[in-house]
Amino acid sequence: MRNNKMNFLYLAALLFLFAGTTFATELDSLNRDPKYVETIKGRSQKIVDKLKLKKVDVALDVRNIIANKYFLLNDIYAKRDAEVKKVKDSGIAGSQKNEALSAIDHEKDAALYRSHFAFPADLSIYLDDKQVEAVKDGMTFGVVKVTYDATLDMIPSLKKDEKKQILVWLTEAREFAVDAENSNKKHEAFGKYKGRINNYLSKKGYDLVKERAGWAARLKAKGIKQ
């Protein structure tokens, strides 16, 4: 009985000692090309710099979390490419080949899904919700704001609910863009949702050709190039 009580007190003391303690995030750079690591560190640091974090150790942890996300994405897509090459080099064809390639794609998607939610969870240890959003924007070239602002500028008569729907779709597109394998694929993810937004606005009665022409004329009058 006494031993159980002592064990309980010991565990309680440990919990008190480590309450609120966060541990440093190590950079997953082992066995990676040093030049590639430096490139990713630099890219991640630019995102962190915009957050203007006051604590150096927190900024470093956030930088490493972002960099590790890039490393993980690279690993997932590199594994997919290697397995696709293996299937193509094997000589199998027809439905067997298609099934093998489909299985590889599903495996890639499953890996992305598992990592997708862990990323903002890791960031939330150090950042608030607004800062986490800023990180996602940094990883996707700020396309959400640029596209949203441009759409509102192009169609000043948009209603409140229409603006909200546009922002919802752009934010959803960003979730896919964060996990995309390169810049082209990131823009492609947004492109799909831009098409959805255009269809939505057309069904709402907006003449997009006319709206774009009017917008271009307004910008030209202000001396702004599109």
C-alpha atoms as a PDB file:
ATOM      1  CA  MET A   1       0.000   0.000   0.000  1.00  0.00           C
ATOM      2  CA  ARG A   2       2.825   2.338   0.915  1.00  0.00           C
ATOM      3  CA  ASN A   3       4.654   1.548  -2.349  1.00  0.00           C
ATOM      4  CA  ASN A   4       1.529   2.407  -4.368  1.00  0.00           C
ATOM      5  CA  LYS A   5       1.238   5.708  -2.519  1.00  0.00           C
ATOM      6  CA  MET A   6       4.888   6.508  -3.181  1.00  0.00           C
ATOM      7  CA  ASN A   7       4.493   5.672  -6.871  1.00  0.00           C
ATOM      8  CA  PHE A   8       1.451   7.944  -7.080  1.00  0.00           C
ATOM      9  CA  LEU A   9       3.325  10.824  -5.439  1.00  0.00           C
ATOM     10  CA  TYR A  10       6.277  10.277  -7.773  1.00  0.00           C
ATOM     11  CA  LEU A  11       4.066  10.382 -10.865  1.00  0.00           C
ATOM     12  CA  ALA A  12       2.261  13.449  -9.560  1.00  0.00           C
ATOM     13  CA  ALA A  13       5.591  15.197  -9.052  1.00  0.00           C
ATOM     14  CA  LEU A  14       6.637  14.378 -12.621  1.00  0.00           C
ATOM     15  CA  LEU A  15       3.362  15.691 -14.018  1.00  0.00           C
ATOM     16  CA  PHE A  16       3.795  18.921 -12.046  1.00  0.00           C
ATOM     17  CA  LEU A  17       7.388  19.258 -13.197  1.00  0.00           C
ATOM     18  CA  PHE A  18       6.599  18.849 -16.880  1.00  0.00           C
ATOM     19  CA  ALA A  19       3.232  20.613 -16.917  1.00  0.00           C
ATOM     20  CA  GLY A  20       3.192  23.185 -19.702  1.00  0.00           C
ATOM     21  CA  THR A  21       6.628  22.055 -20.891  1.00  0.00           C
ATOM     22  CA  THR A  22       7.234  21.742 -24.625  1.00  0.00           C
ATOM     23  CA  PHE A  23      10.169  19.900 -26.083  1.00  0.00           C
ATOM     24  CA  ALA A  24      12.306  21.199 -28.932  1.00  0.00           C
ATOM     25  CA  THR A  25      11.348  20.023 -32.418  1.00  0.00           C
ATOM     26  CA  GLU A  26      14.335  18.427 -34.108  1.00  0.00           C
ATOM     27  CA  LEU A  27      14.958  18.996 -37.800  1.00  0.00           C
ATOM     28  CA  ASP A  28      14.455  15.757 -39.752  1.00  0.00           C
ATOM     29  CA  SER A  29      17.589  16.307 -41.830  1.00  0.00           C
ATOM     30  CA  LEU A  30      19.444  13.024 -41.272  1.00  0.00           C
ATOM     31  CA  ASN A  31      20.569  11.335 -44.512  1.00  0.00           C
ATOM     32  CA  ARG A  32      19.213  14.164 -46.660  1.00  0.00           C
ATOM     33  CA  ASP A  33      21.126  16.182 -49.237  1.00  0.00           C
ATOM     34  CA  PRO A  34      22.636  19.137 -47.287  1.00  0.00           C
ATOM     35  CA  LYS A  35      21.864  21.558 -50.143  1.00  0.00           C
ATOM     36  CA  TYR A  36      18.239  20.431 -50.181  1.00  0.00           C
ATOM     37  CA  VAL A  37      18.040  20.802 -46.406  1.00  0.00           C
ATOM     38  CA  GLU A  38      19.372  24.361 -46.587  1.00  0.00           C
ATOM     39  CA  THR A  39      16.882  25.215 -49.340  1.00  0.00           C
ATOM     40  CA  ILE A  40      13.965  23.948 -47.253  1.00  0.00           C
ATOM     41  CA  LYS A  41      15.251  25.681 -44.124  1.00  0.00           C
ATOM     42  CA  GLY A  42      15.427  28.955 -46.037  1.00  0.00           C
ATOM     43  CA  ARG A  43      11.949  28.529 -47.483  1.00  0.00           C
ATOM     44  CA  SER A  44      10.523  27.718 -44.060  1.00  0.00           C
ATOM     45  CA  GLN A  45      12.356  30.591 -42.395  1.00  0.00           C
ATOM     46  CA  LYS A  46      10.765  33.111 -44.776  1.00  0.00           C
ATOM     47  CA  ILE A  47       7.348  31.937 -43.606  1.00  0.00           C
ATOM     48  CA  VAL A  48       8.376  32.166 -39.959  1.00  0.00           C
ATOM     49  CA  ASP A  49       9.863  35.640 -40.379  1.00  0.00           C
ATOM     50  CA  LYS A  50       6.447  36.998 -41.411  1.00  0.00           C
ATOM     51  CA  LEU A  51       4.974  35.763 -38.124  1.00  0.00           C
ATOM     52  CA  LYS A  52       7.288  38.094 -36.200  1.00  0.00           C
ATOM     53  CA  LEU A  53       7.625  35.699 -33.276  1.00  0.00           C
ATOM     54  CA  LYS A  54       9.374  37.248 -30.295  1.00  0.00           C
ATOM     55  CA  LYS A  55      10.888  34.094 -28.799  1.00  0.00           C
ATOM     56  CA  VAL A  56      13.882  32.727 -30.702  1.00  0.00           C
ATOM     57  CA  ASP A  57      13.364  29.160 -29.485  1.00  0.00           C
ATOM     58  CA  VAL A  58       9.692  29.194 -30.522  1.00  0.00           C
ATOM     59  CA  ALA A  59      10.601  30.564 -33.956  1.00  0.00           C
ATOM     60  CA  LEU A  60      13.140  27.749 -34.373  1.00  0.00           C
ATOM     61  CA  ASP A  61      10.598  25.093 -33.383  1.00  0.00           C
ATOM     62  CA  VAL A  62       8.052  26.477 -35.819  1.00  0.00           C
ATOM     63  CA  ARG A  63      10.693  26.658 -38.565  1.00  0.00           C
ATOM     64  CA  ASN A  64      11.556  23.005 -37.970  1.00  0.00           C
ATOM     65  CA  ILE A  65       7.902  21.908 -37.981  1.00  0.00           C
ATOM     66  CA  ILE A  66       7.365  23.603 -41.348  1.00  0.00           C
ATOM     67  CA  ALA A  67      10.598  22.209 -42.770  1.00  0.00           C
ATOM     68  CA  ASN A  68       9.734  18.716 -41.537  1.00  0.00           C
ATOM     69  CA  LYS A  69       6.370  19.021 -43.305  1.00  0.00           C
ATOM     70  CA  TYR A  70       8.201  19.729 -46.557  1.00  0.00           C
ATOM     71  CA  PHE A  71      10.557  16.805 -45.912  1.00  0.00           C
ATOM     72  CA  LEU A  72       7.652  14.465 -45.228  1.00  0.00           C
ATOM     73  CA  LEU A  73       5.828  15.534 -48.386  1.00  0.00           C
ATOM     74  CA  ASN A  74       8.992  14.929 -50.367  1.00  0.00           C
ATOM     75  CA  ASP A  75       9.320  11.454 -48.834  1.00  0.00           C
ATOM     76  CA  ILE A  76       5.702  10.560 -49.618  1.00  0.00           C
ATOM     77  CA  TYR A  77       5.923  11.624 -53.239  1.00  0.00           C
ATOM     78  CA  ALA A  78       9.401  10.150 -53.723  1.00  0.00           C
ATOM     79  CA  LYS A  79       8.114   6.800 -52.458  1.00  0.00           C
ATOM     80  CA  ARG A  80       5.157   7.012 -54.832  1.00  0.00           C
ATOM     81  CA  ASP A  81       7.425   7.803 -57.796  1.00  0.00           C
ATOM     82  CA  ALA A  82       9.758   4.909 -56.966  1.00  0.00           C
ATOM     83  CA  GLU A  83       6.853   2.457 -56.712  1.00  0.00           C
ATOM     84  CA  VAL A  84       5.296   3.724 -59.941  1.00  0.00           C
ATOM     85  CA  LYS A  85       8.629   3.255 -61.720  1.00  0.00           C
ATOM     86  CA  LYS A  86       8.889  -0.257 -60.323  1.00  0.00           C
ATOM     87  CA  VAL A  87       5.454  -1.145 -61.687  1.00  0.00           C
ATOM     88  CA  LYS A  88       6.188   0.347 -65.100  1.00  0.00           C
ATOM     89  CA  ASP A  89       9.555  -1.409 -65.292  1.00  0.00           C
ATOM     90  CA  SER A  90       8.000  -4.746 -64.313  1.00  0.00           C
ATOM     91  CA  GLY A  91       6.364  -5.199 -67.692  1.00  0.00           C
ATOM     92  CA  ILE A  92       2.867  -5.848 -66.385  1.00  0.00           C
ATOM     93  CA  ALA A  93       0.054  -4.367 -68.453  1.00  0.00           C
ATOM     94  CA  GLY A  94      -3.684  -3.942 -68.715  1.00  0.00           C
ATOM     95  CA  SER A  95      -5.927  -4.158 -65.665  1.00  0.00           C
ATOM     96  CA  GLN A  96      -3.143  -5.597 -63.510  1.00  0.00           C
ATOM     97  CA  LYS A  97      -0.988  -2.542 -64.153  1.00  0.00           C
ATOM     98  CA  ASN A  98      -3.889  -0.162 -63.548  1.00  0.00           C
ATOM     99  CA  GLU A  99      -4.760  -1.857 -60.261  1.00  0.00           C
ATOM    100  CA  ALA A 100      -1.138  -1.670 -59.094  1.00  0.00           C
ATOM    101  CA  LEU A 101      -0.893   2.031 -59.950  1.00  0.00           C
ATOM    102  CA  SER A 102      -4.238   2.725 -58.293  1.00  0.00           C
ATOM    103  CA  ALA A 103      -3.067   0.971 -55.118  1.00  0.00           C
ATOM    104  CA  ILE A 104       0.078   3.130 -55.084  1.00  0.00           C
ATOM    105  CA  ASP A 105      -2.021   6.274 -55.456  1.00  0.00           C
ATOM    106  CA  HIS A 106      -4.306   5.208 -52.614  1.00  0.00           C
ATOM    107  CA  GLU A 107      -1.280   4.537 -50.411  1.00  0.00           C
ATOM    108  CA  LYS A 108       0.034   8.025 -51.187  1.00  0.00           C
ATOM    109  CA  ASP A 109      -3.328   9.601 -50.366  1.00  0.00           C
ATOM    110  CA  ALA A 110      -3.509   7.690 -47.075  1.00  0.00           C
ATOM    111  CA  ALA A 111      -0.056   8.938 -46.081  1.00  0.00           C
ATOM    112  CA  LEU A 112      -1.031  12.522 -46.929  1.00  0.00           C
ATOM    113  CA  TYR A 113      -4.247  12.191 -44.941  1.00  0.00           C
ATOM    114  CA  ARG A 114      -2.410  10.928 -41.860  1.00  0.00           C
ATOM    115  CA  SER A 115       0.080  13.784 -41.967  1.00  0.00           C
ATOM    116  CA  HIS A 116      -2.401  16.508 -42.929  1.00  0.00           C
ATOM    117  CA  PHE A 117      -3.999  16.949 -39.519  1.00  0.00           C
ATOM    118  CA  ALA A 118      -0.814  16.368 -37.549  1.00  0.00           C
ATOM    119  CA  PHE A 119       0.777  19.445 -39.112  1.00  0.00           C
ATOM    120  CA  PRO A 120      -1.581  22.137 -37.743  1.00  0.00           C
ATOM    121  CA  ALA A 121      -1.746  20.232 -34.462  1.00  0.00           C
ATOM    122  CA  ASP A 122       2.041  20.484 -34.129  1.00  0.00           C
ATOM    123  CA  LEU A 123       1.988  24.177 -35.032  1.00  0.00           C
ATOM    124  CA  SER A 124      -0.788  24.882 -32.516  1.00  0.00           C
ATOM    125  CA  ILE A 125       1.602  24.025 -29.675  1.00  0.00           C
ATOM    126  CA  TYR A 126       3.396  27.284 -30.451  1.00  0.00           C
ATOM    127  CA  LEU A 127       0.971  29.350 -32.555  1.00  0.00           C
ATOM    128  CA  ASP A 128      -2.581  30.614 -32.311  1.00  0.00           C
ATOM    129  CA  ASP A 129      -5.185  29.864 -34.995  1.00  0.00           C
ATOM    130  CA  LYS A 130      -4.493  33.048 -36.951  1.00  0.00           C
ATOM    131  CA  GLN A 131      -0.767  32.289 -37.058  1.00  0.00           C
ATOM    132  CA  VAL A 132      -1.394  28.706 -38.194  1.00  0.00           C
ATOM    133  CA  GLU A 133      -3.505  30.124 -41.035  1.00  0.00           C
ATOM    134  CA  ALA A 134      -0.629  32.460 -41.906  1.00  0.00           C
ATOM    135  CA  VAL A 135       1.737  29.474 -42.163  1.00  0.00           C
ATOM    136  CA  LYS A 136      -0.638  27.731 -44.570  1.00  0.00           C
ATOM    137  CA  ASP A 137      -0.874  30.942 -46.610  1.00  0.00           C
ATOM    138  CA  GLY A 138       2.913  31.155 -46.670  1.00  0.00           C
ATOM    139  CA  MET A 139       3.152  27.602 -47.993  1.00  0.00           C
ATOM    140  CA  THR A 140       0.620  28.345 -50.743  1.00  0.00           C
ATOM    141  CA  PHE A 141       1.906  31.709 -51.995  1.00  0.00           C
ATOM    142  CA  GLY A 142      -0.930  33.699 -50.421  1.00  0.00           C
ATOM    143  CA  VAL A 143      -3.302  32.617 -53.198  1.00  0.00           C
ATOM    144  CA  VAL A 144      -6.367  32.680 -50.925  1.00  0.00           C
ATOM    145  CA  LYS A 145      -6.090  36.405 -50.188  1.00  0.00           C
ATOM    146  CA  VAL A 146      -4.937  37.377 -53.679  1.00  0.00           C
ATOM    147  CA  THR A 147      -7.797  35.521 -55.364  1.00  0.00           C
ATOM    148  CA  TYR A 148     -10.414  36.591 -52.829  1.00  0.00           C
ATOM    149  CA  ASP A 149      -9.429  40.270 -53.003  1.00  0.00           C
ATOM    150  CA  ALA A 150      -9.288  40.183 -56.803  1.00  0.00           C
ATOM    151  CA  THR A 151     -12.731  38.574 -57.049  1.00  0.00           C
ATOM    152  CA  LEU A 152     -14.262  41.193 -54.760  1.00  0.00           C
ATOM    153  CA  ASP A 153     -12.555  43.965 -56.712  1.00  0.00           C
ATOM    154  CA  MET A 154     -13.763  42.500 -60.005  1.00  0.00           C
ATOM    155  CA  ILE A 155     -17.369  42.153 -58.807  1.00  0.00           C
ATOM    156  CA  PRO A 156     -18.097  44.928 -56.261  1.00  0.00           C
ATOM    157  CA  SER A 157     -21.779  43.932 -56.152  1.00  0.00           C
ATOM    158  CA  LEU A 158     -21.143  40.532 -54.551  1.00  0.00           C
ATOM    159  CA  LYS A 159     -23.500  39.795 -51.667  1.00  0.00           C
ATOM    160  CA  LYS A 160     -22.339  38.860 -48.168  1.00  0.00           C
ATOM    161  CA  ASP A 161     -23.277  35.184 -48.507  1.00  0.00           C
ATOM    162  CA  GLU A 162     -21.550  34.982 -51.904  1.00  0.00           C
ATOM    163  CA  LYS A 163     -18.344  36.440 -50.482  1.00  0.00           C
ATOM    164  CA  LYS A 164     -18.504  33.934 -47.641  1.00  0.00           C
ATOM    165  CA  GLN A 165     -18.922  30.988 -50.029  1.00  0.00           C
ATOM    166  CA  ILE A 166     -16.001  32.131 -52.170  1.00  0.00           C
ATOM    167  CA  LEU A 167     -13.749  32.373 -49.114  1.00  0.00           C
ATOM    168  CA  VAL A 168     -14.884  28.949 -47.870  1.00  0.00           C
ATOM    169  CA  TRP A 169     -13.948  27.323 -51.171  1.00  0.00           C
ATOM    170  CA  LEU A 170     -10.603  29.095 -51.431  1.00  0.00           C
ATOM    171  CA  THR A 171      -9.760  28.053 -47.873  1.00  0.00           C
ATOM    172  CA  GLU A 172     -10.714  24.476 -48.713  1.00  0.00           C
ATOM    173  CA  ALA A 173      -8.522  24.600 -51.809  1.00  0.00           C
ATOM    174  CA  ARG A 174      -5.618  25.714 -49.625  1.00  0.00           C
ATOM    175  CA  GLU A 175      -5.889  22.493 -47.601  1.00  0.00           C
ATOM    176  CA  PHE A 176      -5.182  20.504 -50.750  1.00  0.00           C
ATOM    177  CA  ALA A 177      -2.526  22.951 -51.939  1.00  0.00           C
ATOM    178  CA  VAL A 178      -0.561  22.618 -48.683  1.00  0.00           C
ATOM    179  CA  ASP A 179      -0.096  18.907 -49.406  1.00  0.00           C
ATOM    180  CA  ALA A 180       0.612  19.285 -53.136  1.00  0.00           C
ATOM    181  CA  GLU A 181       3.987  18.084 -54.385  1.00  0.00           C
ATOM    182  CA  ASN A 182       5.159  21.247 -56.172  1.00  0.00           C
ATOM    183  CA  SER A 183       4.143  24.812 -57.028  1.00  0.00           C
ATOM    184  CA  ASN A 184       2.352  23.779 -60.237  1.00  0.00           C
ATOM    185  CA  LYS A 185       0.228  21.256 -58.347  1.00  0.00           C
ATOM    186  CA  LYS A 186      -0.524  23.844 -55.666  1.00  0.00           C
ATOM    187  CA  HIS A 187      -1.835  26.272 -58.283  1.00  0.00           C
ATOM    188  CA  GLU A 188      -3.694  23.395 -59.915  1.00  0.00           C
ATOM    189  CA  ALA A 189      -5.512  22.725 -56.636  1.00  0.00           C
ATOM    190  CA  PHE A 190      -6.647  26.346 -56.526  1.00  0.00           C
ATOM    191  CA  GLY A 191      -7.533  26.231 -60.213  1.00  0.00           C
ATOM    192  CA  LYS A 192     -10.127  23.526 -59.630  1.00  0.00           C
ATOM    193  CA  TYR A 193     -11.836  25.620 -56.984  1.00  0.00           C
ATOM    194  CA  LYS A 194     -11.619  28.781 -59.074  1.00  0.00           C
ATOM    195  CA  GLY A 195     -13.562  26.896 -61.733  1.00  0.00           C
ATOM    196  CA  ARG A 196     -16.154  25.948 -59.113  1.00  0.00           C
ATOM    197  CA  ILE A 197     -16.390  29.581 -58.005  1.00  0.00           C
ATOM    198  CA  ASN A 198     -16.856  30.790 -61.594  1.00  0.00           C
ATOM    199  CA  ASN A 199     -19.661  28.283 -62.155  1.00  0.00           C
ATOM    200  CA  TYR A 200     -21.273  29.344 -58.893  1.00  0.00           C
ATOM    201  CA  LEU A 201     -21.149  33.034 -59.819  1.00  0.00           C
ATOM    202  CA  SER A 202     -22.492  32.348 -63.311  1.00  0.00           C
ATOM    203  CA  LYS A 203     -25.458  30.476 -61.829  1.00  0.00           C
ATOM    204  CA  LYS A 204     -26.016  33.447 -59.533  1.00  0.00           C
ATOM    205  CA  GLY A 205     -26.502  35.573 -62.642  1.00  0.00           C
ATOM    206  CA  TYR A 206     -23.149  37.299 -62.938  1.00  0.00           C
ATOM    207  CA  ASP A 207     -21.794  37.823 -66.467  1.00  0.00           C
ATOM    208  CA  LEU A 208     -18.136  37.075 -65.788  1.00  0.00           C
ATOM    209  CA  VAL A 209     -16.948  38.188 -69.228  1.00  0.00           C
ATOM    210  CA  LYS A 210     -18.612  41.555 -68.686  1.00  0.00           C
ATOM    211  CA  GLU A 211     -17.364  41.783 -65.087  1.00  0.00           C
ATOM    212  CA  ARG A 212     -13.765  41.060 -66.146  1.00  0.00           C
ATOM    213  CA  ALA A 213     -13.935  43.633 -68.934  1.00  0.00           C
ATOM    214  CA  GLY A 214     -15.252  46.265 -66.538  1.00  0.00           C
ATOM    215  CA  TRP A 215     -12.594  45.396 -63.984  1.00  0.00           C
ATOM    216  CA  ALA A 216      -9.831  45.633 -66.602  1.00  0.00           C
ATOM    217  CA  ALA A 217     -11.105  49.062 -67.649  1.00  0.00           C
ATOM    218  CA  ARG A 218     -11.139  50.290 -64.037  1.00  0.00           C
ATOM    219  CA  LEU A 219      -7.599  49.051 -63.455  1.00  0.00           C
ATOM    220  CA  LYS A 220      -6.383  50.647 -66.698  1.00  0.00           C
ATOM    221  CA  ALA A 221      -7.923  53.956 -65.668  1.00  0.00           C
ATOM    222  CA  LYS A 222      -5.948  53.761 -62.429  1.00  0.00           C
ATOM    223  CA  GLY A 223      -2.765  52.928 -64.332  1.00  0.00           C
ATOM    224  CA  ILE A 224      -2.624  49.403 -62.838  1.00  0.00           C
ATOM    225  CA  LYS A 225      -1.521  46.501 -65.012  1.00  0.00           C
ATOM    226  CA  GLN A 226      -3.310  43.177 -64.554  1.00  0.00           C
END
